[in-house]
C-alpha atoms as a PDB file:
ATOM      1  CA  UNK A   1      25.944   2.146  14.086  1.00  0.00           C
ATOM      2  CA  UNK A   2      23.292   0.356  13.252  1.00  0.00           C
ATOM      3  CA  UNK A   3      19.147   0.418  14.725  1.00  0.00           C
ATOM      4  CA  UNK A   4      17.720  -2.819  15.328  1.00  0.00           C
ATOM      5  CA  UNK A   5      14.321  -3.008  15.479  1.00  0.00           C
ATOM      6  CA  UNK A   6      12.411  -5.370  17.885  1.00  0.00           C
ATOM      7  CA  UNK A   7       8.920  -5.497  18.838  1.00  0.00           C
ATOM      8  CA  UNK A   8       7.747  -3.597  22.465  1.00  0.00           C
ATOM      9  CA  UNK A   9       6.508  -5.756  24.777  1.00  0.00           C
ATOM     10  CA  UNK A  10       4.921  -4.383  28.395  1.00  0.00           C
ATOM     11  CA  UNK A  11       8.053  -4.379  29.681  1.00  0.00           C
ATOM     12  CA  UNK A  12       8.927  -1.483  27.614  1.00  0.00           C
ATOM     13  CA  UNK A  13       6.094   0.412  29.419  1.00  0.00           C
ATOM     14  CA  UNK A  14       8.279   3.020  31.585  1.00  0.00           C
ATOM     15  CA  UNK A  15      10.875   4.007  28.803  1.00  0.00           C
ATOM     16  CA  UNK A  16       7.684   4.973  26.543  1.00  0.00           C
ATOM     17  CA  UNK A  17       6.316   6.821  29.288  1.00  0.00           C
ATOM     18  CA  UNK A  18       9.342   8.829  29.590  1.00  0.00           C
ATOM     19  CA  UNK A  19       9.322   9.151  26.131  1.00  0.00           C
ATOM     20  CA  UNK A  20       5.494  10.619  26.500  1.00  0.00           C
ATOM     21  CA  UNK A  21       6.957  13.077  28.977  1.00  0.00           C
ATOM     22  CA  UNK A  22       9.858  14.671  26.518  1.00  0.00           C
ATOM     23  CA  UNK A  23       7.870  17.893  24.725  1.00  0.00           C
ATOM     24  CA  UNK A  24      10.860  17.444  22.497  1.00  0.00           C
ATOM     25  CA  UNK A  25       9.818  13.771  21.592  1.00  0.00           C
ATOM     26  CA  UNK A  26       6.205  14.173  21.136  1.00  0.00           C
ATOM     27  CA  UNK A  27       5.878  17.576  19.509  1.00  0.00           C
ATOM     28  CA  UNK A  28       5.690  16.375  16.637  1.00  0.00           C
ATOM     29  CA  UNK A  29       2.709  14.238  16.683  1.00  0.00           C
ATOM     30  CA  UNK A  30      -0.128  16.154  17.341  1.00  0.00           C
ATOM     31  CA  UNK A  31      -2.699  15.591  19.625  1.00  0.00           C
ATOM     32  CA  UNK A  32      -3.304  12.345  18.294  1.00  0.00           C
ATOM     33  CA  UNK A  33      -0.712  10.115  19.034  1.00  0.00           C
ATOM     34  CA  UNK A  34      -1.764   9.361  22.584  1.00  0.00           C
ATOM     35  CA  UNK A  35      -1.212   5.356  23.419  1.00  0.00           C
ATOM     36  CA  UNK A  36      -2.321   3.538  26.195  1.00  0.00           C
ATOM     37  CA  UNK A  37       0.738   1.376  26.029  1.00  0.00           C
ATOM     38  CA  UNK A  38      -0.727  -0.896  29.042  1.00  0.00           C
ATOM     39  CA  UNK A  39      -3.934  -1.574  27.071  1.00  0.00           C
ATOM     40  CA  UNK A  40      -1.986  -0.820  23.632  1.00  0.00           C
ATOM     41  CA  UNK A  41       0.912  -3.413  23.652  1.00  0.00           C
ATOM     42  CA  UNK A  42      -0.463  -6.558  25.020  1.00  0.00           C
ATOM     43  CA  UNK A  43      -2.934  -6.606  21.873  1.00  0.00           C
ATOM     44  CA  UNK A  44      -2.107  -8.447  18.500  1.00  0.00           C
ATOM     45  CA  UNK A  45      -3.960  -7.032  15.705  1.00  0.00           C
ATOM     46  CA  UNK A  46      -2.302  -8.131  11.942  1.00  0.00           C
ATOM     47  CA  UNK A  47      -2.670  -4.457  10.752  1.00  0.00           C
ATOM     48  CA  UNK A  48       0.175  -2.855  13.759  1.00  0.00           C
ATOM     49  CA  UNK A  49       3.368  -3.188  14.817  1.00  0.00           C
ATOM     50  CA  UNK A  50       4.897  -1.342  17.724  1.00  0.00           C
ATOM     51  CA  UNK A  51       8.401  -1.560  17.589  1.00  0.00           C
ATOM     52  CA  UNK A  52      11.690  -0.362  19.765  1.00  0.00           C
ATOM     53  CA  UNK A  53      14.669   1.080  17.917  1.00  0.00           C
ATOM     54  CA  UNK A  54      17.692  -0.353  19.919  1.00  0.00           C
ATOM     55  CA  UNK A  55      21.415   1.094  19.449  1.00  0.00           C
ATOM     56  CA  UNK A  56      23.959  -1.517  21.100  1.00  0.00           C
ATOM     57  CA  UNK A  57      21.312  -2.902  22.980  1.00  0.00           C
ATOM     58  CA  UNK A  58      19.989   0.622  24.325  1.00  0.00           C
ATOM     59  CA  UNK A  59      16.449   1.521  23.705  1.00  0.00           C
ATOM     60  CA  UNK A  60      16.421   4.855  21.394  1.00  0.00           C
ATOM     61  CA  UNK A  61      12.688   5.035  20.131  1.00  0.00           C
ATOM     62  CA  UNK A  62       9.803   4.144  18.804  1.00  0.00           C
ATOM     63  CA  UNK A  63       8.322   2.593  15.066  1.00  0.00           C
ATOM     64  CA  UNK A  64       4.774   2.374  14.788  1.00  0.00           C
ATOM     65  CA  UNK A  65       3.175   0.409  11.619  1.00  0.00           C
ATOM     66  CA  UNK A  66      -0.052   0.501  10.610  1.00  0.00           C
ATOM     67  CA  UNK A  67      -2.197  -0.927   8.158  1.00  0.00           C
ATOM     68  CA  UNK A  68      -3.840   2.334   7.126  1.00  0.00           C
ATOM     69  CA  UNK A  69      -7.514   0.640   5.592  1.00  0.00           C
ATOM     70  CA  UNK A  70      -7.694  -1.942   8.290  1.00  0.00           C
ATOM     71  CA  UNK A  71      -6.694  -0.006  11.367  1.00  0.00           C
ATOM     72  CA  UNK A  72      -9.387   0.266  13.850  1.00  0.00           C
ATOM     73  CA  UNK A  73      -9.946   3.689  13.666  1.00  0.00           C
ATOM     74  CA  UNK A  74     -10.156   4.321  10.458  1.00  0.00           C
ATOM     75  CA  UNK A  75      -7.462   7.572  10.969  1.00  0.00           C
ATOM     76  CA  UNK A  76      -7.157   7.897   7.672  1.00  0.00           C
ATOM     77  CA  UNK A  77     -10.610   7.580   6.267  1.00  0.00           C
ATOM     78  CA  UNK A  78     -12.166   4.770   4.622  1.00  0.00           C
ATOM     79  CA  UNK A  79     -10.753   5.851   1.689  1.00  0.00           C
ATOM     80  CA  UNK A  80      -7.327   5.001   2.204  1.00  0.00           C
ATOM     81  CA  UNK A  81      -5.102   3.627  -0.648  1.00  0.00           C
ATOM     82  CA  UNK A  82      -5.481  -0.120  -0.997  1.00  0.00           C
ATOM     83  CA  UNK A  83      -2.488  -1.812   0.655  1.00  0.00           C
ATOM     84  CA  UNK A  84      -0.764   1.040   2.264  1.00  0.00           C
ATOM     85  CA  UNK A  85       0.849   1.319   5.222  1.00  0.00           C
ATOM     86  CA  UNK A  86       1.293   4.628   7.522  1.00  0.00           C
ATOM     87  CA  UNK A  87       5.056   5.030   9.611  1.00  0.00           C
ATOM     88  CA  UNK A  88       4.977   7.073  12.880  1.00  0.00           C
ATOM     89  CA  UNK A  89       8.473   7.641  14.778  1.00  0.00           C
ATOM     90  CA  UNK A  90      10.135   9.082  17.449  1.00  0.00           C
ATOM     91  CA  UNK A  91      13.220   9.071  18.584  1.00  0.00           C
ATOM     92  CA  UNK A  92      12.875   9.368  22.646  1.00  0.00           C
ATOM     93  CA  UNK A  93      16.453   9.502  24.125  1.00  0.00           C
ATOM     94  CA  UNK A  94      17.915  13.072  23.180  1.00  0.00           C
ATOM     95  CA  UNK A  95      21.348  12.171  22.780  1.00  0.00           C
ATOM     96  CA  UNK A  96      20.583   9.533  19.939  1.00  0.00           C
ATOM     97  CA  UNK A  97      18.985  12.546  17.920  1.00  0.00           C
ATOM     98  CA  UNK A  98      20.387  13.984  14.688  1.00  0.00           C
ATOM     99  CA  UNK A  99      23.041  11.121  14.262  1.00  0.00           C
ATOM    100  CA  UNK A 100      20.987   9.239  11.555  1.00  0.00           C
ATOM    101  CA  UNK A 101      19.310   6.755  13.465  1.00  0.00           C
ATOM    102  CA  UNK A 102      16.183   8.243  12.353  1.00  0.00           C
ATOM    103  CA  UNK A 103      17.318   7.450   8.464  1.00  0.00           C
ATOM    104  CA  UNK A 104      18.054   4.167   9.597  1.00  0.00           C
ATOM    105  CA  UNK A 105      14.688   3.409  11.690  1.00  0.00           C
ATOM    106  CA  UNK A 106      12.893   4.545   8.791  1.00  0.00           C
ATOM    107  CA  UNK A 107      14.829   2.098   6.231  1.00  0.00           C
ATOM    108  CA  UNK A 108      14.181  -0.856   8.678  1.00  0.00           C
ATOM    109  CA  UNK A 109      10.466   0.564   8.318  1.00  0.00           C
ATOM    110  CA  UNK A 110      10.289   0.222   4.608  1.00  0.00           C
ATOM    111  CA  UNK A 111      11.528  -2.619   4.399  1.00  0.00           C
ATOM    112  CA  UNK A 112       8.946  -3.922   6.902  1.00  0.00           C
ATOM    113  CA  UNK A 113       6.151  -2.276   5.141  1.00  0.00           C
ATOM    114  CA  UNK A 114       7.345  -3.312   2.110  1.00  0.00           C
ATOM    115  CA  UNK A 115       8.646  -6.750   1.883  1.00  0.00           C
ATOM    116  CA  UNK A 116       7.280  -8.570   4.855  1.00  0.00           C
ATOM    117  CA  UNK A 117       3.544  -6.730   4.363  1.00  0.00           C
ATOM    118  CA  UNK A 118       3.766  -5.913   0.487  1.00  0.00           C
ATOM    119  CA  UNK A 119       2.579  -2.423   1.217  1.00  0.00           C
ATOM    120  CA  UNK A 120       2.184  -0.770  -2.598  1.00  0.00           C
ATOM    121  CA  UNK A 121       2.539   2.586  -0.332  1.00  0.00           C
ATOM    122  CA  UNK A 122       3.208   4.099   3.044  1.00  0.00           C
ATOM    123  CA  UNK A 123       1.860   7.495   4.313  1.00  0.00           C
ATOM    124  CA  UNK A 124       2.485   9.435   6.811  1.00  0.00           C
ATOM    125  CA  UNK A 125       1.118  12.513   8.331  1.00  0.00           C
ATOM    126  CA  UNK A 126       3.644  15.215  10.068  1.00  0.00           C
ATOM    127  CA  UNK A 127       2.401  18.284  11.405  1.00  0.00           C
ATOM    128  CA  UNK A 128       2.490  21.357   8.944  1.00  0.00           C
ATOM    129  CA  UNK A 129       4.235  23.391  11.400  1.00  0.00           C
ATOM    130  CA  UNK A 130       7.370  20.460  11.395  1.00  0.00           C
ATOM    131  CA  UNK A 131       9.172  21.799   8.739  1.00  0.00           C
ATOM    132  CA  UNK A 132      11.719  19.680   9.746  1.00  0.00           C
ATOM    133  CA  UNK A 133      10.190  16.252   9.381  1.00  0.00           C
ATOM    134  CA  UNK A 134       8.956  17.397   6.201  1.00  0.00           C
ATOM    135  CA  UNK A 135      12.261  17.748   4.791  1.00  0.00           C
ATOM    136  CA  UNK A 136      13.400  14.639   6.355  1.00  0.00           C
ATOM    137  CA  UNK A 137      10.949  12.599   4.947  1.00  0.00           C
ATOM    138  CA  UNK A 138      11.748  14.311   1.348  1.00  0.00           C
ATOM    139  CA  UNK A 139      14.757  13.272   1.469  1.00  0.00           C
ATOM    140  CA  UNK A 140      13.864   9.676   1.800  1.00  0.00           C
ATOM    141  CA  UNK A 141      12.188   9.815  -1.258  1.00  0.00           C
ATOM    142  CA  UNK A 142       8.465  11.272   0.120  1.00  0.00           C
ATOM    143  CA  UNK A 143       6.199  13.294  -2.302  1.00  0.00           C
ATOM    144  CA  UNK A 144       3.823  15.746  -0.880  1.00  0.00           C
ATOM    145  CA  UNK A 145       0.156  14.659  -1.220  1.00  0.00           C
ATOM    146  CA  UNK A 146      -1.296  17.384   0.223  1.00  0.00           C
ATOM    147  CA  UNK A 147      -3.290  19.458   3.510  1.00  0.00           C
ATOM    148  CA  UNK A 148      -4.870  17.429   5.384  1.00  0.00           C
ATOM    149  CA  UNK A 149      -7.107  17.789   8.928  1.00  0.00           C
ATOM    150  CA  UNK A 150      -6.620  15.027  11.704  1.00  0.00           C
ATOM    151  CA  UNK A 151      -8.719  15.881  14.658  1.00  0.00           C
ATOM    152  CA  UNK A 152      -7.498  19.229  15.971  1.00  0.00           C
ATOM    153  CA  UNK A 153      -3.825  19.010  13.907  1.00  0.00           C
ATOM    154  CA  UNK A 154      -3.443  20.402  10.132  1.00  0.00           C
ATOM    155  CA  UNK A 155      -0.937  17.862   8.558  1.00  0.00           C
ATOM    156  CA  UNK A 156       0.538  17.543   5.544  1.00  0.00           C
ATOM    157  CA  UNK A 157       0.241  13.752   4.156  1.00  0.00           C
ATOM    158  CA  UNK A 158       3.001  12.799   2.115  1.00  0.00           C
ATOM    159  CA  UNK A 159       3.321   9.264   0.357  1.00  0.00           C
ATOM    160  CA  UNK A 160       6.078   7.095  -1.097  1.00  0.00           C
ATOM    161  CA  UNK A 161       5.167   4.050  -3.290  1.00  0.00           C
ATOM    162  CA  UNK A 162       7.008   0.844  -3.829  1.00  0.00           C
ATOM    163  CA  UNK A 163       8.921   1.963  -7.415  1.00  0.00           C
ATOM    164  CA  UNK A 164      10.118   4.995  -5.723  1.00  0.00           C
ATOM    165  CA  UNK A 165      11.785   2.470  -2.390  1.00  0.00           C
ATOM    166  CA  UNK A 166      13.463   0.567  -5.302  1.00  0.00           C
ATOM    167  CA  UNK A 167      14.647   3.466  -6.756  1.00  0.00           C
ATOM    168  CA  UNK A 168      16.186   4.673  -3.519  1.00  0.00           C
ATOM    169  CA  UNK A 169      18.102   1.156  -3.308  1.00  0.00           C
ATOM    170  CA  UNK A 170      16.529  -0.031  -0.418  1.00  0.00           C
ATOM    171  CA  UNK A 171      15.507  -3.376  -1.124  1.00  0.00           C
END
């Protein structure tokens, strides 16, 4: 079953707000991943994409890709690696979790970051307590950069470079 990523629109706000209320879907994100969807979705910026993941035209989750150096809050710091992009991912619909859709969502996000945006690397920041996510990212080829505190959250920064992406046969 394939996963399609499409741009999120203001019409997606009700489903996004529903997913925001799901503790399992949001427990991975920590305290810094709260979006004001009504404000953010209509904004057009060149450093971020909000993408709805669909299976058979059914919205199942969200992918956010962000230019780590250019994004406005400087979440990744002013010393983020040049031309690195960050990915956030979550599956909001419970019946679609643990079925391989997250892997497919990440593979599509890799293509967008590396091919469309020409990224040299991708960074992610799972909570250190989220061992399931860390194992998932390791399986995809991410390597640990090290622990980092973002706001109130203890995270593990992980990265994958273009060479590792190509080694995994994703291009």
